[in-house]
Amino acid sequence: MARQPRDDAPGVAHHVMARGIERRPLFRDDADREDFLQRLSRLAPELGFRCFAWALMPNHVHLVVRSASVRISQLMARLGTGYARRFNERHDRVGHLFQNRFRSRRVVDDADLLGLVLYVTRNPLEARIVRDASELGDFPWCGLGALLGRRPPRAFESVAETLALFGDDRVRAYEALRDWLEMAAPAAPPAPAGEVVPCVAAPAAAASFEDLVRETCVRFGISTDELRSRRRNRVLAAARSALVHRAAGELGLSGAEIGRRLGVTPSGVHRMLGRAPAPTG
């Protein structure tokens, strides 16, 4: 089957994932990880990319980036080629390191962008690489530490722009991040050293409303009770908005039906969808 053309327009944000060939490790040690990040720190500013979130997993990489005038394919080609060459030299191997071309999905809006930031940042927790959300903040191979101010940002990390998704100023953003960390449930114990953890991939299209609810909660790091509660903060608002848009677009549910299942008024659903409530009577 022929490949579909990539939605790689410059100037928009994308969620990008690159995977090791045959799901083999992309990183064998911290020197590999540091080499990859140093290359990204050099290339992203040079090419005008801003990074909102990232995570280095054993056998794949997640990036949430916004391009300028250069397409994402140019960044990934230079990043992947240079890293693979050095990896092969260090580990005395030959052949391809990455599996096929990278995957990417265009970000729809700010709610989608916020959800992807949380989803990508949470990947090490979901994959049991770290024990809990607190340990995630000190994990050196994702972006949370810089967002929390626990370490200096790397050259490719757009910390201020990412924090603005959580709040209008740093105080509110930090509060929203702390709320999210408290929402994130502890994970199972970490996988044994050297084990290749399966890829934590973005969810596919859901078959039912409850599938959407579960996928939304995983992506935003919240519980179903929190999603359906009356509690309000920026993360919960983004999660509910994302769920409403997917329920309308993928399942074709009416505003009234979505509201009934989510515990929100039909007018509230219509506001999330960005249109006035339908007239009654």
C-alpha atoms as a PDB file:
ATOM      1  CA  MET A   1       0.000   0.000   0.000  1.00  0.00           C
ATOM      2  CA  ALA A   2       1.336   3.455  -0.887  1.00  0.00           C
ATOM      3  CA  ARG A   3       2.265   5.765   1.947  1.00  0.00           C
ATOM      4  CA  GLN A   4      -0.160   8.555   2.730  1.00  0.00           C
ATOM      5  CA  PRO A   5       1.262  12.071   2.314  1.00  0.00           C
ATOM      6  CA  ARG A   6       2.447  13.519   5.621  1.00  0.00           C
ATOM      7  CA  ASP A   7       0.595  16.497   7.115  1.00  0.00           C
ATOM      8  CA  ASP A   8       3.885  18.326   7.592  1.00  0.00           C
ATOM      9  CA  ALA A   9       2.930  21.971   7.095  1.00  0.00           C
ATOM     10  CA  PRO A  10       5.420  24.403   8.637  1.00  0.00           C
ATOM     11  CA  GLY A  11       4.289  26.745  11.397  1.00  0.00           C
ATOM     12  CA  VAL A  12       2.012  24.303  13.236  1.00  0.00           C
ATOM     13  CA  ALA A  13       2.482  21.985  16.224  1.00  0.00           C
ATOM     14  CA  HIS A  14       2.830  18.229  15.854  1.00  0.00           C
ATOM     15  CA  HIS A  15       3.133  15.183  18.079  1.00  0.00           C
ATOM     16  CA  VAL A  16       6.088  13.224  16.685  1.00  0.00           C
ATOM     17  CA  MET A  17       7.147   9.675  17.534  1.00  0.00           C
ATOM     18  CA  ALA A  18      10.182   7.766  16.266  1.00  0.00           C
ATOM     19  CA  ARG A  19      10.629   4.079  17.094  1.00  0.00           C
ATOM     20  CA  GLY A  20      13.601   1.730  17.046  1.00  0.00           C
ATOM     21  CA  ILE A  21      13.712  -0.846  14.277  1.00  0.00           C
ATOM     22  CA  GLU A  22      11.893  -4.051  15.293  1.00  0.00           C
ATOM     23  CA  ARG A  23      11.144  -2.215  18.552  1.00  0.00           C
ATOM     24  CA  ARG A  24      14.766  -2.597  19.617  1.00  0.00           C
ATOM     25  CA  PRO A  25      16.298  -0.082  22.049  1.00  0.00           C
ATOM     26  CA  LEU A  26      17.169   3.349  20.710  1.00  0.00           C
ATOM     27  CA  PHE A  27      19.311   4.059  23.766  1.00  0.00           C
ATOM     28  CA  ARG A  28      21.687   1.662  25.492  1.00  0.00           C
ATOM     29  CA  ASP A  29      22.985   4.052  28.131  1.00  0.00           C
ATOM     30  CA  ASP A  30      22.791   7.636  29.366  1.00  0.00           C
ATOM     31  CA  ALA A  31      25.578   8.673  26.988  1.00  0.00           C
ATOM     32  CA  ASP A  32      23.268   7.780  24.089  1.00  0.00           C
ATOM     33  CA  ARG A  33      20.433   9.769  25.622  1.00  0.00           C
ATOM     34  CA  GLU A  34      22.641  12.782  26.224  1.00  0.00           C
ATOM     35  CA  ASP A  35      23.967  12.631  22.669  1.00  0.00           C
ATOM     36  CA  PHE A  36      20.411  12.651  21.286  1.00  0.00           C
ATOM     37  CA  LEU A  37      19.397  15.615  23.455  1.00  0.00           C
ATOM     38  CA  GLN A  38      22.521  17.609  22.621  1.00  0.00           C
ATOM     39  CA  ARG A  39      21.770  17.164  18.930  1.00  0.00           C
ATOM     40  CA  LEU A  40      18.186  18.288  19.509  1.00  0.00           C
ATOM     41  CA  SER A  41      19.443  21.269  21.543  1.00  0.00           C
ATOM     42  CA  ARG A  42      21.557  22.345  18.589  1.00  0.00           C
ATOM     43  CA  LEU A  43      19.155  21.611  15.734  1.00  0.00           C
ATOM     44  CA  ALA A  44      15.834  22.837  17.170  1.00  0.00           C
ATOM     45  CA  PRO A  45      16.946  26.460  17.752  1.00  0.00           C
ATOM     46  CA  GLU A  46      18.872  26.470  14.470  1.00  0.00           C
ATOM     47  CA  LEU A  47      15.788  25.395  12.500  1.00  0.00           C
ATOM     48  CA  GLY A  48      13.315  27.483  14.523  1.00  0.00           C
ATOM     49  CA  PHE A  49      11.538  24.651  16.370  1.00  0.00           C
ATOM     50  CA  ARG A  50       9.923  25.058  19.793  1.00  0.00           C
ATOM     51  CA  CYS A  51       9.418  21.973  21.960  1.00  0.00           C
ATOM     52  CA  PHE A  52       6.522  21.754  24.410  1.00  0.00           C
ATOM     53  CA  ALA A  53       7.062  18.198  25.645  1.00  0.00           C
ATOM     54  CA  TRP A  54       9.396  15.252  25.125  1.00  0.00           C
ATOM     55  CA  ALA A  55      10.220  11.844  26.545  1.00  0.00           C
ATOM     56  CA  LEU A  56      12.997   9.394  25.750  1.00  0.00           C
ATOM     57  CA  MET A  57      11.692   5.859  26.170  1.00  0.00           C
ATOM     58  CA  PRO A  58      13.772   2.672  25.816  1.00  0.00           C
ATOM     59  CA  ASN A  59      12.658   1.947  22.260  1.00  0.00           C
ATOM     60  CA  HIS A  60      10.962   5.147  21.081  1.00  0.00           C
ATOM     61  CA  VAL A  61      10.972   8.931  21.364  1.00  0.00           C
ATOM     62  CA  HIS A  62       8.091  11.373  21.785  1.00  0.00           C
ATOM     63  CA  LEU A  63       8.287  15.060  20.856  1.00  0.00           C
ATOM     64  CA  VAL A  64       5.606  17.757  20.805  1.00  0.00           C
ATOM     65  CA  VAL A  65       7.046  20.546  18.673  1.00  0.00           C
ATOM     66  CA  ARG A  66       6.007  23.577  16.682  1.00  0.00           C
ATOM     67  CA  SER A  67       7.914  24.306  13.497  1.00  0.00           C
ATOM     68  CA  ALA A  68       8.721  27.674  11.938  1.00  0.00           C
ATOM     69  CA  SER A  69       9.447  27.799   8.210  1.00  0.00           C
ATOM     70  CA  VAL A  70      11.180  24.412   8.135  1.00  0.00           C
ATOM     71  CA  ARG A  71       9.215  21.187   7.935  1.00  0.00           C
ATOM     72  CA  ILE A  72       9.399  18.589  10.693  1.00  0.00           C
ATOM     73  CA  SER A  73      10.794  16.048   8.240  1.00  0.00           C
ATOM     74  CA  GLN A  74      13.951  18.159   7.896  1.00  0.00           C
ATOM     75  CA  LEU A  75      14.499  18.269  11.652  1.00  0.00           C
ATOM     76  CA  MET A  76      13.915  14.536  12.065  1.00  0.00           C
ATOM     77  CA  ALA A  77      16.140  13.622   9.108  1.00  0.00           C
ATOM     78  CA  ARG A  78      19.120  15.538  10.463  1.00  0.00           C
ATOM     79  CA  LEU A  79      18.486  14.450  14.045  1.00  0.00           C
ATOM     80  CA  GLY A  80      18.009  10.783  13.207  1.00  0.00           C
ATOM     81  CA  THR A  81      20.847  10.492  10.701  1.00  0.00           C
ATOM     82  CA  GLY A  82      23.453  12.039  12.973  1.00  0.00           C
ATOM     83  CA  TYR A  83      22.322  10.144  16.042  1.00  0.00           C
ATOM     84  CA  ALA A  84      22.161   6.773  14.260  1.00  0.00           C
ATOM     85  CA  ARG A  85      25.654   7.209  12.819  1.00  0.00           C
ATOM     86  CA  ARG A  86      27.114   7.966  16.245  1.00  0.00           C
ATOM     87  CA  PHE A  87      25.111   5.161  17.902  1.00  0.00           C
ATOM     88  CA  ASN A  88      26.469   2.619  15.423  1.00  0.00           C
ATOM     89  CA  GLU A  89      30.017   3.843  15.960  1.00  0.00           C
ATOM     90  CA  ARG A  90      29.747   3.672  19.737  1.00  0.00           C
ATOM     91  CA  HIS A  91      28.179   0.218  19.799  1.00  0.00           C
ATOM     92  CA  ASP A  92      30.026  -1.356  16.863  1.00  0.00           C
ATOM     93  CA  ARG A  93      26.888  -2.062  14.847  1.00  0.00           C
ATOM     94  CA  VAL A  94      25.718  -1.487  11.277  1.00  0.00           C
ATOM     95  CA  GLY A  95      22.342  -1.005   9.626  1.00  0.00           C
ATOM     96  CA  HIS A  96      19.223   1.007  10.292  1.00  0.00           C
ATOM     97  CA  LEU A  97      18.442   2.157  13.820  1.00  0.00           C
ATOM     98  CA  PHE A  98      15.000   3.713  13.339  1.00  0.00           C
ATOM     99  CA  GLN A  99      11.953   1.812  12.094  1.00  0.00           C
ATOM    100  CA  ASN A 100      10.707   3.312   8.821  1.00  0.00           C
ATOM    101  CA  ARG A 101       9.839   6.989   8.878  1.00  0.00           C
ATOM    102  CA  PHE A 102       8.746   8.790  12.026  1.00  0.00           C
ATOM    103  CA  ARG A 103       5.057   9.168  12.858  1.00  0.00           C
ATOM    104  CA  SER A 104       3.445  12.567  13.347  1.00  0.00           C
ATOM    105  CA  ARG A 105       0.018  14.026  14.028  1.00  0.00           C
ATOM    106  CA  ARG A 106      -0.976  17.646  13.671  1.00  0.00           C
ATOM    107  CA  VAL A 107      -2.191  19.363  16.861  1.00  0.00           C
ATOM    108  CA  VAL A 108      -5.769  20.595  16.556  1.00  0.00           C
ATOM    109  CA  ASP A 109      -5.983  23.376  19.166  1.00  0.00           C
ATOM    110  CA  ASP A 110      -4.673  24.465  22.578  1.00  0.00           C
ATOM    111  CA  ALA A 111      -6.738  21.849  24.416  1.00  0.00           C
ATOM    112  CA  ASP A 112      -5.257  19.171  22.179  1.00  0.00           C
ATOM    113  CA  LEU A 113      -1.779  20.622  22.723  1.00  0.00           C
ATOM    114  CA  LEU A 114      -2.217  20.593  26.501  1.00  0.00           C
ATOM    115  CA  GLY A 115      -3.443  17.003  26.388  1.00  0.00           C
ATOM    116  CA  LEU A 116      -0.430  15.947  24.325  1.00  0.00           C
ATOM    117  CA  VAL A 117       1.961  17.703  26.723  1.00  0.00           C
ATOM    118  CA  LEU A 118       0.480  15.728  29.606  1.00  0.00           C
ATOM    119  CA  TYR A 119       0.325  12.481  27.642  1.00  0.00           C
ATOM    120  CA  VAL A 120       3.935  12.633  26.446  1.00  0.00           C
ATOM    121  CA  THR A 121       5.270  13.791  29.813  1.00  0.00           C
ATOM    122  CA  ARG A 122       3.392  10.973  31.535  1.00  0.00           C
ATOM    123  CA  ASN A 123       4.804   8.246  29.244  1.00  0.00           C
ATOM    124  CA  PRO A 124       7.608   7.127  31.606  1.00  0.00           C
ATOM    125  CA  LEU A 125       5.039   6.713  34.378  1.00  0.00           C
ATOM    126  CA  GLU A 126       2.622   4.736  32.234  1.00  0.00           C
ATOM    127  CA  ALA A 127       5.483   2.505  31.059  1.00  0.00           C
ATOM    128  CA  ARG A 128       6.543   1.835  34.690  1.00  0.00           C
ATOM    129  CA  ILE A 129       9.978   3.386  34.232  1.00  0.00           C
ATOM    130  CA  VAL A 130       9.313   5.574  37.284  1.00  0.00           C
ATOM    131  CA  ARG A 131       7.278   4.591  40.343  1.00  0.00           C
ATOM    132  CA  ASP A 132       5.017   7.597  40.780  1.00  0.00           C
ATOM    133  CA  ALA A 133       4.307  11.140  39.666  1.00  0.00           C
ATOM    134  CA  SER A 134       6.717  12.652  42.196  1.00  0.00           C
ATOM    135  CA  GLU A 135       9.593  10.578  40.821  1.00  0.00           C
ATOM    136  CA  LEU A 136       8.553  11.654  37.328  1.00  0.00           C
ATOM    137  CA  GLY A 137       9.443  15.245  38.234  1.00  0.00           C
ATOM    138  CA  ASP A 138      13.055  14.196  38.822  1.00  0.00           C
ATOM    139  CA  PHE A 139      13.284  11.880  35.809  1.00  0.00           C
ATOM    140  CA  PRO A 140      16.035  13.368  33.594  1.00  0.00           C
ATOM    141  CA  TRP A 141      14.750  12.018  30.278  1.00  0.00           C
ATOM    142  CA  CYS A 142      11.468  13.938  29.967  1.00  0.00           C
ATOM    143  CA  GLY A 143      10.499  17.608  30.139  1.00  0.00           C
ATOM    144  CA  LEU A 144       8.692  17.772  33.485  1.00  0.00           C
ATOM    145  CA  GLY A 145      11.748  18.737  35.554  1.00  0.00           C
ATOM    146  CA  ALA A 146      12.251  21.945  33.574  1.00  0.00           C
ATOM    147  CA  LEU A 147       8.550  22.838  33.796  1.00  0.00           C
ATOM    148  CA  LEU A 148       8.653  22.422  37.580  1.00  0.00           C
ATOM    149  CA  GLY A 149      11.865  24.429  37.889  1.00  0.00           C
ATOM    150  CA  ARG A 150      13.800  21.462  39.251  1.00  0.00           C
ATOM    151  CA  ARG A 151      16.491  21.766  36.575  1.00  0.00           C
ATOM    152  CA  PRO A 152      17.566  24.370  34.013  1.00  0.00           C
ATOM    153  CA  PRO A 153      15.755  24.035  30.669  1.00  0.00           C
ATOM    154  CA  ARG A 154      17.637  22.620  27.724  1.00  0.00           C
ATOM    155  CA  ALA A 155      18.102  24.815  24.665  1.00  0.00           C
ATOM    156  CA  PHE A 156      15.205  23.203  22.779  1.00  0.00           C
ATOM    157  CA  GLU A 157      12.650  23.409  25.630  1.00  0.00           C
ATOM    158  CA  SER A 158      10.050  26.202  25.405  1.00  0.00           C
ATOM    159  CA  VAL A 159       9.246  26.295  29.111  1.00  0.00           C
ATOM    160  CA  ALA A 160       7.460  29.656  29.293  1.00  0.00           C
ATOM    161  CA  GLU A 161       5.250  28.886  26.299  1.00  0.00           C
ATOM    162  CA  THR A 162       4.382  25.462  27.690  1.00  0.00           C
ATOM    163  CA  LEU A 163       3.575  26.798  31.161  1.00  0.00           C
ATOM    164  CA  ALA A 164       1.232  29.343  29.544  1.00  0.00           C
ATOM    165  CA  LEU A 165      -0.989  26.401  28.554  1.00  0.00           C
ATOM    166  CA  PHE A 166      -1.538  25.680  32.257  1.00  0.00           C
ATOM    167  CA  GLY A 167      -2.074  29.206  33.566  1.00  0.00           C
ATOM    168  CA  ASP A 168      -1.902  32.912  32.816  1.00  0.00           C
ATOM    169  CA  ASP A 169       1.167  33.369  35.015  1.00  0.00           C
ATOM    170  CA  ARG A 170       3.811  31.093  36.508  1.00  0.00           C
ATOM    171  CA  VAL A 171       2.116  30.870  39.905  1.00  0.00           C
ATOM    172  CA  ARG A 172      -1.138  29.593  38.396  1.00  0.00           C
ATOM    173  CA  ALA A 173       0.751  27.346  35.984  1.00  0.00           C
ATOM    174  CA  TYR A 174       2.716  25.746  38.830  1.00  0.00           C
ATOM    175  CA  GLU A 175      -0.525  25.249  40.771  1.00  0.00           C
ATOM    176  CA  ALA A 176      -2.119  23.529  37.770  1.00  0.00           C
ATOM    177  CA  LEU A 177       0.946  21.327  37.330  1.00  0.00           C
ATOM    178  CA  ARG A 178       0.873  20.378  41.008  1.00  0.00           C
ATOM    179  CA  ASP A 179      -2.834  19.552  40.700  1.00  0.00           C
ATOM    180  CA  TRP A 180      -2.049  17.335  37.727  1.00  0.00           C
ATOM    181  CA  LEU A 181       0.742  15.568  39.620  1.00  0.00           C
ATOM    182  CA  GLU A 182      -1.643  14.905  42.487  1.00  0.00           C
ATOM    183  CA  MET A 183      -4.227  13.527  40.047  1.00  0.00           C
ATOM    184  CA  ALA A 184      -1.715  11.159  38.454  1.00  0.00           C
ATOM    185  CA  ALA A 185      -2.119   7.787  40.139  1.00  0.00           C
ATOM    186  CA  PRO A 186       1.000   5.802  41.165  1.00  0.00           C
ATOM    187  CA  ALA A 187       2.136   3.277  38.604  1.00  0.00           C
ATOM    188  CA  ALA A 188       3.261  -0.311  39.069  1.00  0.00           C
ATOM    189  CA  PRO A 189       6.924  -0.959  40.061  1.00  0.00           C
ATOM    190  CA  PRO A 190       9.513  -0.104  37.396  1.00  0.00           C
ATOM    191  CA  ALA A 191      10.450  -2.722  34.843  1.00  0.00           C
ATOM    192  CA  PRO A 192      13.668  -4.676  35.519  1.00  0.00           C
ATOM    193  CA  ALA A 193      16.887  -3.027  34.375  1.00  0.00           C
ATOM    194  CA  GLY A 194      17.584  -3.609  30.701  1.00  0.00           C
ATOM    195  CA  GLU A 195      14.044  -4.690  29.850  1.00  0.00           C
ATOM    196  CA  VAL A 196      12.598  -3.072  26.738  1.00  0.00           C
ATOM    197  CA  VAL A 197       9.257  -1.602  27.749  1.00  0.00           C
ATOM    198  CA  PRO A 198       6.581  -1.848  25.033  1.00  0.00           C
ATOM    199  CA  CYS A 199       5.789   1.327  23.191  1.00  0.00           C
ATOM    200  CA  VAL A 200       3.103   3.487  24.849  1.00  0.00           C
ATOM    201  CA  ALA A 201       1.347   4.655  21.723  1.00  0.00           C
ATOM    202  CA  ALA A 202      -1.294   7.317  21.242  1.00  0.00           C
ATOM    203  CA  PRO A 203      -4.833   5.923  21.447  1.00  0.00           C
ATOM    204  CA  ALA A 204      -6.616   4.819  18.297  1.00  0.00           C
ATOM    205  CA  ALA A 205     -10.175   5.786  17.457  1.00  0.00           C
ATOM    206  CA  ALA A 206     -12.542   4.687  20.197  1.00  0.00           C
ATOM    207  CA  ALA A 207     -15.450   2.315  19.716  1.00  0.00           C
ATOM    208  CA  SER A 208     -17.681   3.698  22.480  1.00  0.00           C
ATOM    209  CA  PHE A 209     -18.116   6.702  24.741  1.00  0.00           C
ATOM    210  CA  GLU A 210     -16.630   4.820  27.690  1.00  0.00           C
ATOM    211  CA  ASP A 211     -13.582   4.001  25.553  1.00  0.00           C
ATOM    212  CA  LEU A 212     -13.198   7.728  24.953  1.00  0.00           C
ATOM    213  CA  VAL A 213     -13.530   8.416  28.671  1.00  0.00           C
ATOM    214  CA  ARG A 214     -10.809   5.894  29.545  1.00  0.00           C
ATOM    215  CA  GLU A 215      -8.469   7.144  26.815  1.00  0.00           C
ATOM    216  CA  THR A 216      -9.004  10.776  27.850  1.00  0.00           C
ATOM    217  CA  CYS A 217      -8.238   9.981  31.485  1.00  0.00           C
ATOM    218  CA  VAL A 218      -5.025   8.160  30.576  1.00  0.00           C
ATOM    219  CA  ARG A 219      -3.947  10.962  28.269  1.00  0.00           C
ATOM    220  CA  PHE A 220      -4.569  13.737  30.817  1.00  0.00           C
ATOM    221  CA  GLY A 221      -3.518  11.768  33.907  1.00  0.00           C
ATOM    222  CA  ILE A 222      -6.858  12.019  35.722  1.00  0.00           C
ATOM    223  CA  SER A 223      -9.485   9.637  37.060  1.00  0.00           C
ATOM    224  CA  THR A 224     -12.957   9.111  35.616  1.00  0.00           C
ATOM    225  CA  ASP A 225     -14.447  10.558  38.808  1.00  0.00           C
ATOM    226  CA  GLU A 226     -12.397  13.726  38.346  1.00  0.00           C
ATOM    227  CA  LEU A 227     -13.421  13.988  34.699  1.00  0.00           C
ATOM    228  CA  ARG A 228     -17.093  13.790  35.654  1.00  0.00           C
ATOM    229  CA  SER A 229     -16.798  15.932  38.781  1.00  0.00           C
ATOM    230  CA  ARG A 230     -17.683  19.604  39.207  1.00  0.00           C
ATOM    231  CA  ARG A 231     -14.078  20.415  40.001  1.00  0.00           C
ATOM    232  CA  ARG A 232     -12.539  23.050  37.737  1.00  0.00           C
ATOM    233  CA  ASN A 233      -8.985  23.679  36.622  1.00  0.00           C
ATOM    234  CA  ARG A 234      -7.260  24.058  33.290  1.00  0.00           C
ATOM    235  CA  VAL A 235      -6.296  20.408  32.937  1.00  0.00           C
ATOM    236  CA  LEU A 236      -9.820  19.156  33.661  1.00  0.00           C
ATOM    237  CA  ALA A 237     -11.307  21.775  31.324  1.00  0.00           C
ATOM    238  CA  ALA A 238      -8.976  20.673  28.517  1.00  0.00           C
ATOM    239  CA  ALA A 239      -9.768  17.006  29.165  1.00  0.00           C
ATOM    240  CA  ARG A 240     -13.528  17.589  29.033  1.00  0.00           C
ATOM    241  CA  SER A 241     -13.211  19.691  25.885  1.00  0.00           C
ATOM    242  CA  ALA A 242     -11.103  17.006  24.191  1.00  0.00           C
ATOM    243  CA  LEU A 243     -13.621  14.320  25.152  1.00  0.00           C
ATOM    244  CA  VAL A 244     -16.578  16.351  23.899  1.00  0.00           C
ATOM    245  CA  HIS A 245     -14.952  17.044  20.538  1.00  0.00           C
ATOM    246  CA  ARG A 246     -14.010  13.384  20.034  1.00  0.00           C
ATOM    247  CA  ALA A 247     -17.468  12.182  21.076  1.00  0.00           C
ATOM    248  CA  ALA A 248     -19.113  14.532  18.576  1.00  0.00           C
ATOM    249  CA  GLY A 249     -16.617  13.982  15.762  1.00  0.00           C
ATOM    250  CA  GLU A 250     -15.863  10.248  16.077  1.00  0.00           C
ATOM    251  CA  LEU A 251     -19.071   8.868  17.549  1.00  0.00           C
ATOM    252  CA  GLY A 252     -21.528  11.399  16.117  1.00  0.00           C
ATOM    253  CA  LEU A 253     -23.247  11.922  19.477  1.00  0.00           C
ATOM    254  CA  SER A 254     -25.532  14.906  19.977  1.00  0.00           C
ATOM    255  CA  GLY A 255     -24.776  17.600  22.540  1.00  0.00           C
ATOM    256  CA  ALA A 256     -27.638  16.395  24.707  1.00  0.00           C
ATOM    257  CA  GLU A 257     -26.394  12.796  24.657  1.00  0.00           C
ATOM    258  CA  ILE A 258     -22.805  13.818  25.424  1.00  0.00           C
ATOM    259  CA  GLY A 259     -24.009  16.005  28.270  1.00  0.00           C
ATOM    260  CA  ARG A 260     -26.095  13.185  29.736  1.00  0.00           C
ATOM    261  CA  ARG A 261     -23.179  10.751  29.688  1.00  0.00           C
ATOM    262  CA  LEU A 262     -20.623  13.249  30.955  1.00  0.00           C
ATOM    263  CA  GLY A 263     -22.824  14.973  33.527  1.00  0.00           C
ATOM    264  CA  VAL A 264     -22.690  18.357  31.768  1.00  0.00           C
ATOM    265  CA  THR A 265     -25.591  20.484  30.558  1.00  0.00           C
ATOM    266  CA  PRO A 266     -26.229  20.514  26.801  1.00  0.00           C
ATOM    267  CA  SER A 267     -25.428  24.248  26.760  1.00  0.00           C
ATOM    268  CA  GLY A 268     -22.095  23.485  28.407  1.00  0.00           C
ATOM    269  CA  VAL A 269     -21.338  20.900  25.729  1.00  0.00           C
ATOM    270  CA  HIS A 270     -22.189  23.368  22.958  1.00  0.00           C
ATOM    271  CA  ARG A 271     -19.908  25.991  24.541  1.00  0.00           C
ATOM    272  CA  MET A 272     -17.063  23.464  24.491  1.00  0.00           C
ATOM    273  CA  LEU A 273     -17.780  22.783  20.836  1.00  0.00           C
ATOM    274  CA  GLY A 274     -17.487  26.503  20.158  1.00  0.00           C
ATOM    275  CA  ARG A 275     -21.032  27.159  19.008  1.00  0.00           C
ATOM    276  CA  ALA A 276     -24.212  28.552  20.531  1.00  0.00           C
ATOM    277  CA  PRO A 277     -26.747  26.110  21.991  1.00  0.00           C
ATOM    278  CA  ALA A 278     -29.373  24.928  19.571  1.00  0.00           C
ATOM    279  CA  PRO A 279     -32.754  26.663  20.037  1.00  0.00           C
ATOM    280  CA  THR A 280     -35.480  24.757  21.874  1.00  0.00           C
ATOM    281  CA  GLY A 281     -39.232  24.744  21.449  1.00  0.00           C
END
